[in-house]
Amino acid sequence: MRKGAIGKGYVQVYTGNGKGKTTAALGLAVRAAGHGLHTVILQFMKGWIDYGELEGVRMLAPHVEIHQAGRDTFVNRKNPDPEDTRLAREGWELAKKAILGGKADIVVLDEINCAIDFGLLPLEEVIEVIKRKPDGMELVLTGRGAPQELIEVADLVTEMREVKHYYAKGVDARVGVER
C-alpha cells in the first residue's frame, strides 16, 4: 500500500434495483490495480464458484484479493438459515480486519446492503466500523436496499435504476456478463 495514494479516502455506496453495482465496484478494483493499489473484496451472500470475477481477480493478484461469505443458494429473506447468518458474520470479521487493519487502499463490501437488509448483519455495527475507517482508505458498499443510515454516512451514493432489462424477456444470467 502506498500511504495516502488516494488522498483522504471516502465511503461510496452503490445501491438500487438496476444492474451494475458489483460491476462498478470490480471496475474500481481493476483501475486501482493498474496504479499498484491493494483492494480487498468481501462478497456477502455469495458462494458460487462460477463467478467470472473470482478467476479475474486471481489474474490481478497480488493487487486484488476476493473472499466469499455465503452459500451457493439464495437466502430466505423472511427466515434466513442460521448457516447464512454464520457465514455473513464470518465474512464481517474478515471485513473488519481489512478495514481496521489499514493494509488495503480500497475495501469493497459487495452485497453488504442486502446482508443488512436480510438481518444477517447489524446495521449499527457496520456504521460504527465505517466511522473508524482509516484516512487514505476508500470503502465501497454495494447491494440493493441500502438503509438510509448508510446513505447518510456515505460520501458518495449512486443508485442504479433499472429502466429496461432483458431478464424480462427470459434471458438467463450469461457467463462473462452477469456472472
N, C-alpha and C. Protein backbone atom coordinates (compact mmCIF):
# COMPACT_ATOMS: atom_id res chain seq x y z
N MET A 1 0.85 -1.19 0.00
CA MET A 1 0.00 0.00 0.00
C MET A 1 0.89 1.24 0.00
N ARG A 2 0.54 2.19 -0.84
CA ARG A 2 1.24 3.46 -0.84
C ARG A 2 0.45 4.42 0.03
N LYS A 3 1.01 4.78 1.17
CA LYS A 3 0.30 5.59 2.16
C LYS A 3 -0.20 6.89 1.52
N GLY A 4 -1.51 7.10 1.64
CA GLY A 4 -2.10 8.33 1.15
C GLY A 4 -2.23 8.42 -0.36
N ALA A 5 -2.05 7.31 -1.07
CA ALA A 5 -2.07 7.34 -2.53
C ALA A 5 -3.39 7.85 -3.08
N ILE A 6 -4.48 7.61 -2.36
CA ILE A 6 -5.78 8.07 -2.86
C ILE A 6 -6.30 9.28 -2.09
N GLY A 7 -5.46 9.88 -1.30
CA GLY A 7 -5.88 11.06 -0.53
C GLY A 7 -6.66 10.64 0.71
N LYS A 8 -7.68 11.42 1.05
CA LYS A 8 -8.45 11.20 2.28
C LYS A 8 -9.07 9.81 2.33
N GLY A 9 -9.66 9.39 1.24
CA GLY A 9 -10.42 8.14 1.22
C GLY A 9 -11.86 8.41 1.61
N TYR A 10 -12.78 7.92 0.82
CA TYR A 10 -14.19 8.20 1.03
C TYR A 10 -15.00 6.92 1.16
N VAL A 11 -16.26 7.08 1.55
CA VAL A 11 -17.20 5.97 1.64
C VAL A 11 -18.18 6.10 0.49
N GLN A 12 -18.23 5.06 -0.35
CA GLN A 12 -19.12 5.04 -1.51
C GLN A 12 -20.18 3.96 -1.30
N VAL A 13 -21.41 4.25 -1.73
CA VAL A 13 -22.49 3.27 -1.69
C VAL A 13 -23.07 3.16 -3.09
N TYR A 14 -23.14 1.93 -3.61
CA TYR A 14 -23.78 1.64 -4.89
C TYR A 14 -25.02 0.82 -4.57
N THR A 15 -26.20 1.35 -4.85
CA THR A 15 -27.43 0.67 -4.48
C THR A 15 -28.44 0.80 -5.62
N GLY A 16 -29.65 0.33 -5.40
CA GLY A 16 -30.72 0.42 -6.39
C GLY A 16 -31.04 -0.93 -7.02
N ASN A 17 -32.12 -0.96 -7.77
CA ASN A 17 -32.60 -2.20 -8.38
C ASN A 17 -31.98 -2.49 -9.74
N GLY A 18 -31.20 -1.57 -10.27
CA GLY A 18 -30.60 -1.78 -11.58
C GLY A 18 -29.32 -2.59 -11.53
N LYS A 19 -28.93 -3.09 -12.69
CA LYS A 19 -27.72 -3.89 -12.84
C LYS A 19 -26.49 -2.98 -12.78
N GLY A 20 -25.40 -3.49 -12.21
CA GLY A 20 -24.13 -2.78 -12.32
C GLY A 20 -23.44 -2.40 -11.03
N LYS A 21 -24.02 -2.73 -9.89
CA LYS A 21 -23.41 -2.34 -8.61
C LYS A 21 -22.09 -3.08 -8.36
N THR A 22 -22.12 -4.39 -8.45
CA THR A 22 -20.90 -5.18 -8.27
C THR A 22 -19.92 -4.88 -9.39
N THR A 23 -20.43 -4.76 -10.60
CA THR A 23 -19.57 -4.49 -11.76
C THR A 23 -18.82 -3.18 -11.58
N ALA A 24 -19.49 -2.15 -11.07
CA ALA A 24 -18.82 -0.87 -10.83
C ALA A 24 -17.73 -1.01 -9.79
N ALA A 25 -18.01 -1.75 -8.72
CA ALA A 25 -17.01 -1.94 -7.66
C ALA A 25 -15.81 -2.72 -8.19
N LEU A 26 -16.06 -3.74 -9.01
CA LEU A 26 -14.96 -4.51 -9.59
C LEU A 26 -14.14 -3.64 -10.55
N GLY A 27 -14.81 -2.77 -11.27
CA GLY A 27 -14.10 -1.85 -12.16
C GLY A 27 -13.17 -0.93 -11.39
N LEU A 28 -13.62 -0.48 -10.24
CA LEU A 28 -12.79 0.35 -9.38
C LEU A 28 -11.55 -0.43 -8.94
N ALA A 29 -11.72 -1.71 -8.60
CA ALA A 29 -10.60 -2.55 -8.18
C ALA A 29 -9.60 -2.73 -9.33
N VAL A 30 -10.09 -2.91 -10.53
CA VAL A 30 -9.21 -3.05 -11.70
C VAL A 30 -8.42 -1.76 -11.92
N ARG A 31 -9.12 -0.63 -11.84
CA ARG A 31 -8.46 0.67 -12.02
C ARG A 31 -7.37 0.86 -10.95
N ALA A 32 -7.70 0.53 -9.71
CA ALA A 32 -6.73 0.70 -8.62
C ALA A 32 -5.52 -0.21 -8.82
N ALA A 33 -5.76 -1.45 -9.27
CA ALA A 33 -4.66 -2.38 -9.51
C ALA A 33 -3.70 -1.81 -10.55
N GLY A 34 -4.25 -1.12 -11.54
CA GLY A 34 -3.42 -0.50 -12.56
C GLY A 34 -2.48 0.56 -12.02
N HIS A 35 -2.78 1.05 -10.83
CA HIS A 35 -1.92 2.04 -10.16
C HIS A 35 -1.14 1.42 -9.00
N GLY A 36 -1.17 0.09 -8.90
CA GLY A 36 -0.42 -0.60 -7.87
C GLY A 36 -1.05 -0.56 -6.49
N LEU A 37 -2.34 -0.21 -6.42
CA LEU A 37 -3.03 -0.15 -5.13
C LEU A 37 -3.59 -1.52 -4.77
N HIS A 38 -3.82 -1.73 -3.49
CA HIS A 38 -4.31 -3.02 -2.99
C HIS A 38 -5.79 -2.91 -2.63
N THR A 39 -6.60 -3.80 -3.22
CA THR A 39 -8.03 -3.85 -2.95
C THR A 39 -8.40 -5.20 -2.36
N VAL A 40 -9.21 -5.16 -1.31
CA VAL A 40 -9.78 -6.37 -0.71
C VAL A 40 -11.27 -6.34 -0.96
N ILE A 41 -11.80 -7.41 -1.54
CA ILE A 41 -13.23 -7.52 -1.83
C ILE A 41 -13.82 -8.63 -0.98
N LEU A 42 -14.87 -8.31 -0.23
CA LEU A 42 -15.62 -9.29 0.55
C LEU A 42 -16.99 -9.38 -0.08
N GLN A 43 -17.37 -10.57 -0.55
CA GLN A 43 -18.68 -10.77 -1.17
C GLN A 43 -19.60 -11.47 -0.18
N PHE A 44 -20.59 -10.74 0.31
CA PHE A 44 -21.57 -11.30 1.23
C PHE A 44 -22.67 -11.99 0.44
N MET A 45 -23.21 -13.06 1.02
CA MET A 45 -24.33 -13.81 0.43
C MET A 45 -23.98 -14.40 -0.94
N LYS A 46 -22.70 -14.62 -1.19
CA LYS A 46 -22.26 -15.21 -2.45
C LYS A 46 -21.29 -16.33 -2.14
N GLY A 47 -21.53 -17.50 -2.74
CA GLY A 47 -20.64 -18.63 -2.57
C GLY A 47 -20.56 -19.46 -3.83
N TRP A 48 -21.01 -18.89 -4.94
CA TRP A 48 -20.97 -19.62 -6.21
C TRP A 48 -19.56 -19.62 -6.75
N ILE A 49 -19.11 -20.75 -7.23
CA ILE A 49 -17.73 -20.84 -7.72
C ILE A 49 -17.58 -20.45 -9.18
N ASP A 50 -18.69 -20.21 -9.88
CA ASP A 50 -18.57 -19.92 -11.32
C ASP A 50 -18.65 -18.43 -11.65
N TYR A 51 -18.54 -17.55 -10.65
CA TYR A 51 -18.48 -16.12 -10.94
C TYR A 51 -17.17 -15.81 -11.63
N GLY A 52 -17.22 -15.14 -12.76
CA GLY A 52 -16.02 -14.80 -13.52
C GLY A 52 -15.05 -13.93 -12.76
N GLU A 53 -15.57 -13.10 -11.84
CA GLU A 53 -14.65 -12.22 -11.11
C GLU A 53 -13.68 -12.98 -10.22
N LEU A 54 -14.04 -14.20 -9.80
CA LEU A 54 -13.13 -14.98 -8.96
C LEU A 54 -11.84 -15.30 -9.72
N GLU A 55 -11.98 -15.76 -10.95
CA GLU A 55 -10.80 -16.06 -11.78
C GLU A 55 -10.12 -14.77 -12.23
N GLY A 56 -10.91 -13.76 -12.56
CA GLY A 56 -10.34 -12.48 -12.98
C GLY A 56 -9.48 -11.85 -11.90
N VAL A 57 -9.94 -11.92 -10.66
CA VAL A 57 -9.17 -11.35 -9.55
C VAL A 57 -7.87 -12.11 -9.36
N ARG A 58 -7.88 -13.41 -9.58
CA ARG A 58 -6.63 -14.18 -9.46
C ARG A 58 -5.57 -13.62 -10.42
N MET A 59 -6.02 -13.14 -11.57
CA MET A 59 -5.11 -12.57 -12.55
C MET A 59 -4.55 -11.22 -12.10
N LEU A 60 -5.25 -10.57 -11.18
CA LEU A 60 -4.83 -9.26 -10.68
C LEU A 60 -4.02 -9.35 -9.39
N ALA A 61 -3.83 -10.57 -8.89
CA ALA A 61 -3.06 -10.75 -7.65
C ALA A 61 -1.63 -10.27 -7.89
N PRO A 62 -1.01 -9.69 -6.91
CA PRO A 62 -1.41 -9.53 -5.52
C PRO A 62 -2.17 -8.24 -5.24
N HIS A 63 -2.53 -7.50 -6.27
CA HIS A 63 -3.16 -6.20 -6.06
C HIS A 63 -4.62 -6.29 -5.62
N VAL A 64 -5.30 -7.37 -6.01
CA VAL A 64 -6.71 -7.53 -5.65
C VAL A 64 -6.90 -8.92 -5.08
N GLU A 65 -7.61 -8.98 -3.95
CA GLU A 65 -7.98 -10.28 -3.37
C GLU A 65 -9.48 -10.28 -3.12
N ILE A 66 -10.06 -11.47 -3.18
CA ILE A 66 -11.51 -11.59 -3.04
C ILE A 66 -11.83 -12.76 -2.10
N HIS A 67 -12.85 -12.56 -1.28
CA HIS A 67 -13.30 -13.58 -0.34
C HIS A 67 -14.82 -13.64 -0.41
N GLN A 68 -15.37 -14.84 -0.42
CA GLN A 68 -16.82 -15.01 -0.42
C GLN A 68 -17.30 -15.43 0.96
N ALA A 69 -18.45 -14.89 1.34
CA ALA A 69 -19.05 -15.19 2.65
C ALA A 69 -20.52 -15.55 2.42
N GLY A 70 -20.74 -16.73 1.89
CA GLY A 70 -22.10 -17.16 1.63
C GLY A 70 -22.12 -18.55 1.03
N ARG A 71 -23.33 -19.01 0.76
CA ARG A 71 -23.51 -20.34 0.16
C ARG A 71 -23.91 -20.18 -1.30
N ASP A 72 -23.96 -21.29 -2.00
CA ASP A 72 -24.32 -21.27 -3.42
C ASP A 72 -25.83 -21.40 -3.62
N THR A 73 -26.57 -20.72 -2.76
CA THR A 73 -28.02 -20.75 -2.84
C THR A 73 -28.55 -19.39 -2.39
N PHE A 74 -29.81 -19.11 -2.73
CA PHE A 74 -30.40 -17.84 -2.32
C PHE A 74 -30.74 -17.88 -0.84
N VAL A 75 -30.68 -16.72 -0.21
CA VAL A 75 -31.02 -16.58 1.20
C VAL A 75 -32.50 -16.26 1.32
N ASN A 76 -33.17 -16.94 2.24
CA ASN A 76 -34.58 -16.67 2.51
C ASN A 76 -34.67 -15.38 3.33
N ARG A 77 -35.16 -14.34 2.71
CA ARG A 77 -35.20 -13.02 3.35
C ARG A 77 -36.03 -13.03 4.64
N LYS A 78 -37.15 -13.73 4.62
CA LYS A 78 -38.04 -13.72 5.79
C LYS A 78 -37.58 -14.66 6.89
N ASN A 79 -36.81 -15.69 6.52
CA ASN A 79 -36.37 -16.66 7.51
C ASN A 79 -34.99 -17.20 7.11
N PRO A 80 -33.93 -16.38 7.29
CA PRO A 80 -32.60 -16.83 6.88
C PRO A 80 -32.15 -18.06 7.65
N ASP A 81 -31.48 -18.95 6.95
CA ASP A 81 -30.90 -20.14 7.56
C ASP A 81 -29.79 -19.69 8.52
N PRO A 82 -29.65 -20.31 9.66
CA PRO A 82 -28.57 -19.96 10.59
C PRO A 82 -27.18 -20.03 9.94
N GLU A 83 -27.02 -20.91 8.95
CA GLU A 83 -25.74 -21.00 8.25
C GLU A 83 -25.45 -19.72 7.46
N ASP A 84 -26.49 -19.11 6.89
CA ASP A 84 -26.30 -17.85 6.17
C ASP A 84 -25.84 -16.76 7.14
N THR A 85 -26.43 -16.72 8.31
CA THR A 85 -26.03 -15.74 9.32
C THR A 85 -24.60 -15.99 9.77
N ARG A 86 -24.25 -17.24 10.01
CA ARG A 86 -22.90 -17.59 10.44
C ARG A 86 -21.87 -17.16 9.39
N LEU A 87 -22.14 -17.47 8.13
CA LEU A 87 -21.20 -17.11 7.06
C LEU A 87 -21.08 -15.60 6.90
N ALA A 88 -22.19 -14.88 7.03
CA ALA A 88 -22.14 -13.42 6.94
C ALA A 88 -21.31 -12.85 8.08
N ARG A 89 -21.49 -13.37 9.29
CA ARG A 89 -20.72 -12.90 10.44
C ARG A 89 -19.22 -13.20 10.25
N GLU A 90 -18.93 -14.39 9.71
CA GLU A 90 -17.55 -14.76 9.44
C GLU A 90 -16.93 -13.79 8.43
N GLY A 91 -17.68 -13.48 7.38
CA GLY A 91 -17.22 -12.52 6.38
C GLY A 91 -17.05 -11.13 6.98
N TRP A 92 -17.96 -10.76 7.88
CA TRP A 92 -17.88 -9.45 8.53
C TRP A 92 -16.61 -9.35 9.39
N GLU A 93 -16.22 -10.43 10.03
CA GLU A 93 -14.97 -10.42 10.81
C GLU A 93 -13.78 -10.17 9.89
N LEU A 94 -13.76 -10.81 8.72
CA LEU A 94 -12.69 -10.56 7.73
C LEU A 94 -12.72 -9.11 7.27
N ALA A 95 -13.93 -8.60 7.02
CA ALA A 95 -14.08 -7.22 6.56
C ALA A 95 -13.55 -6.24 7.59
N LYS A 96 -13.89 -6.46 8.86
CA LYS A 96 -13.40 -5.56 9.91
C LYS A 96 -11.88 -5.56 9.97
N LYS A 97 -11.28 -6.73 9.83
CA LYS A 97 -9.81 -6.81 9.84
C LYS A 97 -9.22 -6.05 8.66
N ALA A 98 -9.85 -6.19 7.50
CA ALA A 98 -9.36 -5.49 6.31
C ALA A 98 -9.49 -3.97 6.47
N ILE A 99 -10.60 -3.54 7.05
CA ILE A 99 -10.83 -2.10 7.21
C ILE A 99 -9.95 -1.53 8.32
N LEU A 100 -10.04 -2.10 9.49
CA LEU A 100 -9.35 -1.53 10.65
C LEU A 100 -7.87 -1.83 10.66
N GLY A 101 -7.46 -2.87 9.90
CA GLY A 101 -6.03 -3.21 9.81
C GLY A 101 -5.26 -2.21 8.97
N GLY A 102 -5.96 -1.48 8.10
CA GLY A 102 -5.33 -0.41 7.34
C GLY A 102 -4.32 -0.85 6.30
N LYS A 103 -4.35 -2.13 5.89
CA LYS A 103 -3.37 -2.60 4.91
C LYS A 103 -3.87 -2.51 3.48
N ALA A 104 -5.16 -2.23 3.30
CA ALA A 104 -5.73 -2.12 1.96
C ALA A 104 -5.95 -0.65 1.62
N ASP A 105 -5.83 -0.33 0.35
CA ASP A 105 -6.17 1.02 -0.12
C ASP A 105 -7.67 1.15 -0.33
N ILE A 106 -8.28 0.05 -0.79
CA ILE A 106 -9.72 0.01 -1.06
C ILE A 106 -10.28 -1.27 -0.47
N VAL A 107 -11.43 -1.16 0.20
CA VAL A 107 -12.15 -2.33 0.66
C VAL A 107 -13.55 -2.26 0.07
N VAL A 108 -13.94 -3.33 -0.62
CA VAL A 108 -15.27 -3.44 -1.22
C VAL A 108 -16.08 -4.44 -0.41
N LEU A 109 -17.22 -4.01 0.09
CA LEU A 109 -18.14 -4.88 0.82
C LEU A 109 -19.32 -5.14 -0.10
N ASP A 110 -19.15 -6.12 -0.97
CA ASP A 110 -20.13 -6.43 -2.02
C ASP A 110 -21.35 -7.11 -1.42
N GLU A 111 -22.51 -6.58 -1.71
CA GLU A 111 -23.81 -7.08 -1.23
C GLU A 111 -24.01 -6.94 0.27
N ILE A 112 -23.24 -6.08 0.91
CA ILE A 112 -23.43 -5.89 2.35
C ILE A 112 -24.76 -5.22 2.64
N ASN A 113 -25.24 -4.37 1.72
CA ASN A 113 -26.54 -3.73 1.93
C ASN A 113 -27.63 -4.80 2.05
N CYS A 114 -27.55 -5.82 1.21
CA CYS A 114 -28.53 -6.92 1.26
C CYS A 114 -28.36 -7.72 2.55
N ALA A 115 -27.12 -7.98 2.94
CA ALA A 115 -26.89 -8.74 4.18
C ALA A 115 -27.48 -8.02 5.38
N ILE A 116 -27.40 -6.70 5.38
CA ILE A 116 -28.01 -5.91 6.45
C ILE A 116 -29.53 -5.99 6.34
N ASP A 117 -30.04 -5.78 5.13
CA ASP A 117 -31.49 -5.79 4.90
C ASP A 117 -32.12 -7.14 5.26
N PHE A 118 -31.39 -8.23 5.05
CA PHE A 118 -31.89 -9.57 5.35
C PHE A 118 -31.71 -9.94 6.82
N GLY A 119 -31.11 -9.04 7.60
CA GLY A 119 -30.93 -9.29 9.03
C GLY A 119 -29.73 -10.17 9.37
N LEU A 120 -28.80 -10.34 8.41
CA LEU A 120 -27.62 -11.18 8.65
C LEU A 120 -26.54 -10.42 9.41
N LEU A 121 -26.52 -9.10 9.27
CA LEU A 121 -25.53 -8.25 9.94
C LEU A 121 -26.23 -7.07 10.58
N PRO A 122 -25.75 -6.62 11.74
CA PRO A 122 -26.37 -5.47 12.41
C PRO A 122 -25.90 -4.14 11.82
N LEU A 123 -26.84 -3.33 11.39
CA LEU A 123 -26.56 -2.04 10.78
C LEU A 123 -25.69 -1.17 11.69
N GLU A 124 -26.00 -1.11 12.97
CA GLU A 124 -25.28 -0.24 13.90
C GLU A 124 -23.80 -0.59 13.96
N GLU A 125 -23.49 -1.89 13.93
CA GLU A 125 -22.09 -2.31 13.99
C GLU A 125 -21.36 -1.94 12.71
N VAL A 126 -22.03 -2.08 11.57
CA VAL A 126 -21.42 -1.72 10.29
C VAL A 126 -21.11 -0.22 10.27
N ILE A 127 -22.05 0.59 10.72
CA ILE A 127 -21.83 2.04 10.73
C ILE A 127 -20.69 2.42 11.67
N GLU A 128 -20.62 1.75 12.81
CA GLU A 128 -19.55 2.04 13.78
C GLU A 128 -18.18 1.76 13.16
N VAL A 129 -18.06 0.67 12.39
CA VAL A 129 -16.78 0.36 11.74
C VAL A 129 -16.50 1.34 10.62
N ILE A 130 -17.52 1.72 9.86
CA ILE A 130 -17.33 2.72 8.79
C ILE A 130 -16.75 4.00 9.38
N LYS A 131 -17.26 4.43 10.49
CA LYS A 131 -16.79 5.67 11.12
C LYS A 131 -15.36 5.56 11.61
N ARG A 132 -14.86 4.35 11.80
CA ARG A 132 -13.49 4.12 12.24
C ARG A 132 -12.52 3.84 11.08
N LYS A 133 -13.03 3.90 9.86
CA LYS A 133 -12.21 3.66 8.67
C LYS A 133 -10.99 4.59 8.68
N PRO A 134 -9.81 4.04 8.43
CA PRO A 134 -8.62 4.90 8.41
C PRO A 134 -8.66 5.90 7.25
N ASP A 135 -8.05 7.06 7.47
CA ASP A 135 -7.88 8.01 6.37
C ASP A 135 -7.01 7.35 5.31
N GLY A 136 -7.25 7.68 4.07
CA GLY A 136 -6.46 7.12 2.99
C GLY A 136 -7.00 5.80 2.45
N MET A 137 -8.12 5.34 3.01
CA MET A 137 -8.75 4.10 2.54
C MET A 137 -10.11 4.43 1.94
N GLU A 138 -10.37 3.89 0.76
CA GLU A 138 -11.69 4.02 0.12
C GLU A 138 -12.50 2.80 0.53
N LEU A 139 -13.76 3.02 0.89
CA LEU A 139 -14.65 1.95 1.31
C LEU A 139 -15.88 1.97 0.42
N VAL A 140 -16.19 0.82 -0.20
CA VAL A 140 -17.32 0.73 -1.14
C VAL A 140 -18.29 -0.32 -0.63
N LEU A 141 -19.56 0.06 -0.51
CA LEU A 141 -20.62 -0.85 -0.06
C LEU A 141 -21.63 -0.99 -1.19
N THR A 142 -21.92 -2.25 -1.59
CA THR A 142 -22.85 -2.45 -2.69
C THR A 142 -24.07 -3.24 -2.23
N GLY A 143 -25.07 -3.24 -3.07
CA GLY A 143 -26.26 -4.06 -2.85
C GLY A 143 -27.53 -3.23 -2.85
N ARG A 144 -28.61 -3.89 -3.22
CA ARG A 144 -29.92 -3.25 -3.19
C ARG A 144 -30.30 -2.88 -1.77
N GLY A 145 -31.20 -1.93 -1.65
CA GLY A 145 -31.81 -1.62 -0.36
C GLY A 145 -30.89 -1.03 0.68
N ALA A 146 -29.96 -0.17 0.27
CA ALA A 146 -29.09 0.48 1.26
C ALA A 146 -29.96 1.24 2.26
N PRO A 147 -29.77 0.98 3.56
CA PRO A 147 -30.56 1.70 4.55
C PRO A 147 -30.22 3.19 4.56
N GLN A 148 -31.17 4.01 4.92
CA GLN A 148 -30.99 5.45 4.96
C GLN A 148 -29.79 5.85 5.81
N GLU A 149 -29.56 5.14 6.90
CA GLU A 149 -28.42 5.46 7.79
C GLU A 149 -27.08 5.29 7.07
N LEU A 150 -26.98 4.30 6.18
CA LEU A 150 -25.74 4.13 5.39
C LEU A 150 -25.61 5.24 4.36
N ILE A 151 -26.71 5.60 3.76
CA ILE A 151 -26.70 6.68 2.77
C ILE A 151 -26.23 7.97 3.43
N GLU A 152 -26.67 8.21 4.65
CA GLU A 152 -26.29 9.44 5.35
C GLU A 152 -24.82 9.47 5.72
N VAL A 153 -24.24 8.33 6.08
CA VAL A 153 -22.83 8.30 6.49
C VAL A 153 -21.89 8.28 5.27
N ALA A 154 -22.39 7.95 4.10
CA ALA A 154 -21.57 7.86 2.89
C ALA A 154 -21.21 9.24 2.35
N ASP A 155 -20.11 9.28 1.59
CA ASP A 155 -19.69 10.50 0.91
C ASP A 155 -20.20 10.55 -0.52
N LEU A 156 -20.42 9.38 -1.11
CA LEU A 156 -20.90 9.27 -2.48
C LEU A 156 -21.93 8.15 -2.52
N VAL A 157 -23.07 8.41 -3.11
CA VAL A 157 -24.11 7.39 -3.25
C VAL A 157 -24.57 7.39 -4.71
N THR A 158 -24.51 6.21 -5.32
CA THR A 158 -25.01 6.04 -6.68
C THR A 158 -26.13 5.03 -6.64
N GLU A 159 -27.27 5.40 -7.22
CA GLU A 159 -28.40 4.49 -7.29
C GLU A 159 -28.55 4.00 -8.72
N MET A 160 -28.40 2.69 -8.92
CA MET A 160 -28.59 2.07 -10.23
C MET A 160 -30.10 1.83 -10.38
N ARG A 161 -30.68 2.42 -11.39
CA ARG A 161 -32.12 2.31 -11.60
C ARG A 161 -32.37 1.52 -12.88
N GLU A 162 -33.15 0.46 -12.75
CA GLU A 162 -33.48 -0.33 -13.94
C GLU A 162 -34.51 0.42 -14.77
N VAL A 163 -34.17 0.62 -16.02
CA VAL A 163 -35.09 1.23 -16.97
C VAL A 163 -35.65 0.14 -17.87
N LYS A 164 -34.77 -0.76 -18.28
CA LYS A 164 -35.14 -1.87 -19.16
C LYS A 164 -34.12 -2.98 -18.94
N HIS A 165 -34.59 -4.23 -18.92
CA HIS A 165 -33.66 -5.34 -18.70
C HIS A 165 -34.13 -6.55 -19.50
N TYR A 166 -33.20 -7.24 -20.13
CA TYR A 166 -33.54 -8.41 -20.94
C TYR A 166 -33.98 -9.60 -20.11
N TYR A 167 -33.81 -9.58 -18.79
CA TYR A 167 -34.36 -10.64 -17.94
C TYR A 167 -35.87 -10.75 -18.14
N ALA A 168 -36.50 -9.59 -18.37
CA ALA A 168 -37.96 -9.57 -18.56
C ALA A 168 -38.38 -10.39 -19.78
N LYS A 169 -37.45 -10.63 -20.69
CA LYS A 169 -37.72 -11.46 -21.88
C LYS A 169 -37.26 -12.89 -21.67
N GLY A 170 -36.86 -13.23 -20.44
CA GLY A 170 -36.48 -14.60 -20.13
C GLY A 170 -35.02 -14.93 -20.33
N VAL A 171 -34.17 -13.92 -20.51
CA VAL A 171 -32.73 -14.17 -20.69
C VAL A 171 -32.11 -14.49 -19.34
N ASP A 172 -31.42 -15.63 -19.24
CA ASP A 172 -30.76 -16.04 -18.00
C ASP A 172 -29.42 -15.30 -17.86
N ALA A 173 -28.86 -15.34 -16.66
CA ALA A 173 -27.54 -14.76 -16.40
C ALA A 173 -26.52 -15.40 -17.34
N ARG A 174 -25.75 -14.55 -18.02
CA ARG A 174 -24.80 -15.03 -19.02
C ARG A 174 -23.38 -15.01 -18.49
N VAL A 175 -22.61 -16.03 -18.87
CA VAL A 175 -21.21 -16.14 -18.47
C VAL A 175 -20.45 -14.93 -18.99
N GLY A 176 -19.69 -14.29 -18.12
CA GLY A 176 -18.87 -13.16 -18.52
C GLY A 176 -19.59 -11.84 -18.53
N VAL A 177 -20.90 -11.85 -18.37
CA VAL A 177 -21.66 -10.60 -18.37
C VAL A 177 -22.37 -10.40 -17.03
N GLU A 178 -23.18 -11.38 -16.62
CA GLU A 178 -23.85 -11.31 -15.32
C GLU A 178 -23.19 -12.20 -14.27
N ARG A 179 -22.37 -13.13 -14.71
CA ARG A 179 -21.69 -14.00 -13.73
C ARG A 179 -20.32 -14.38 -14.24
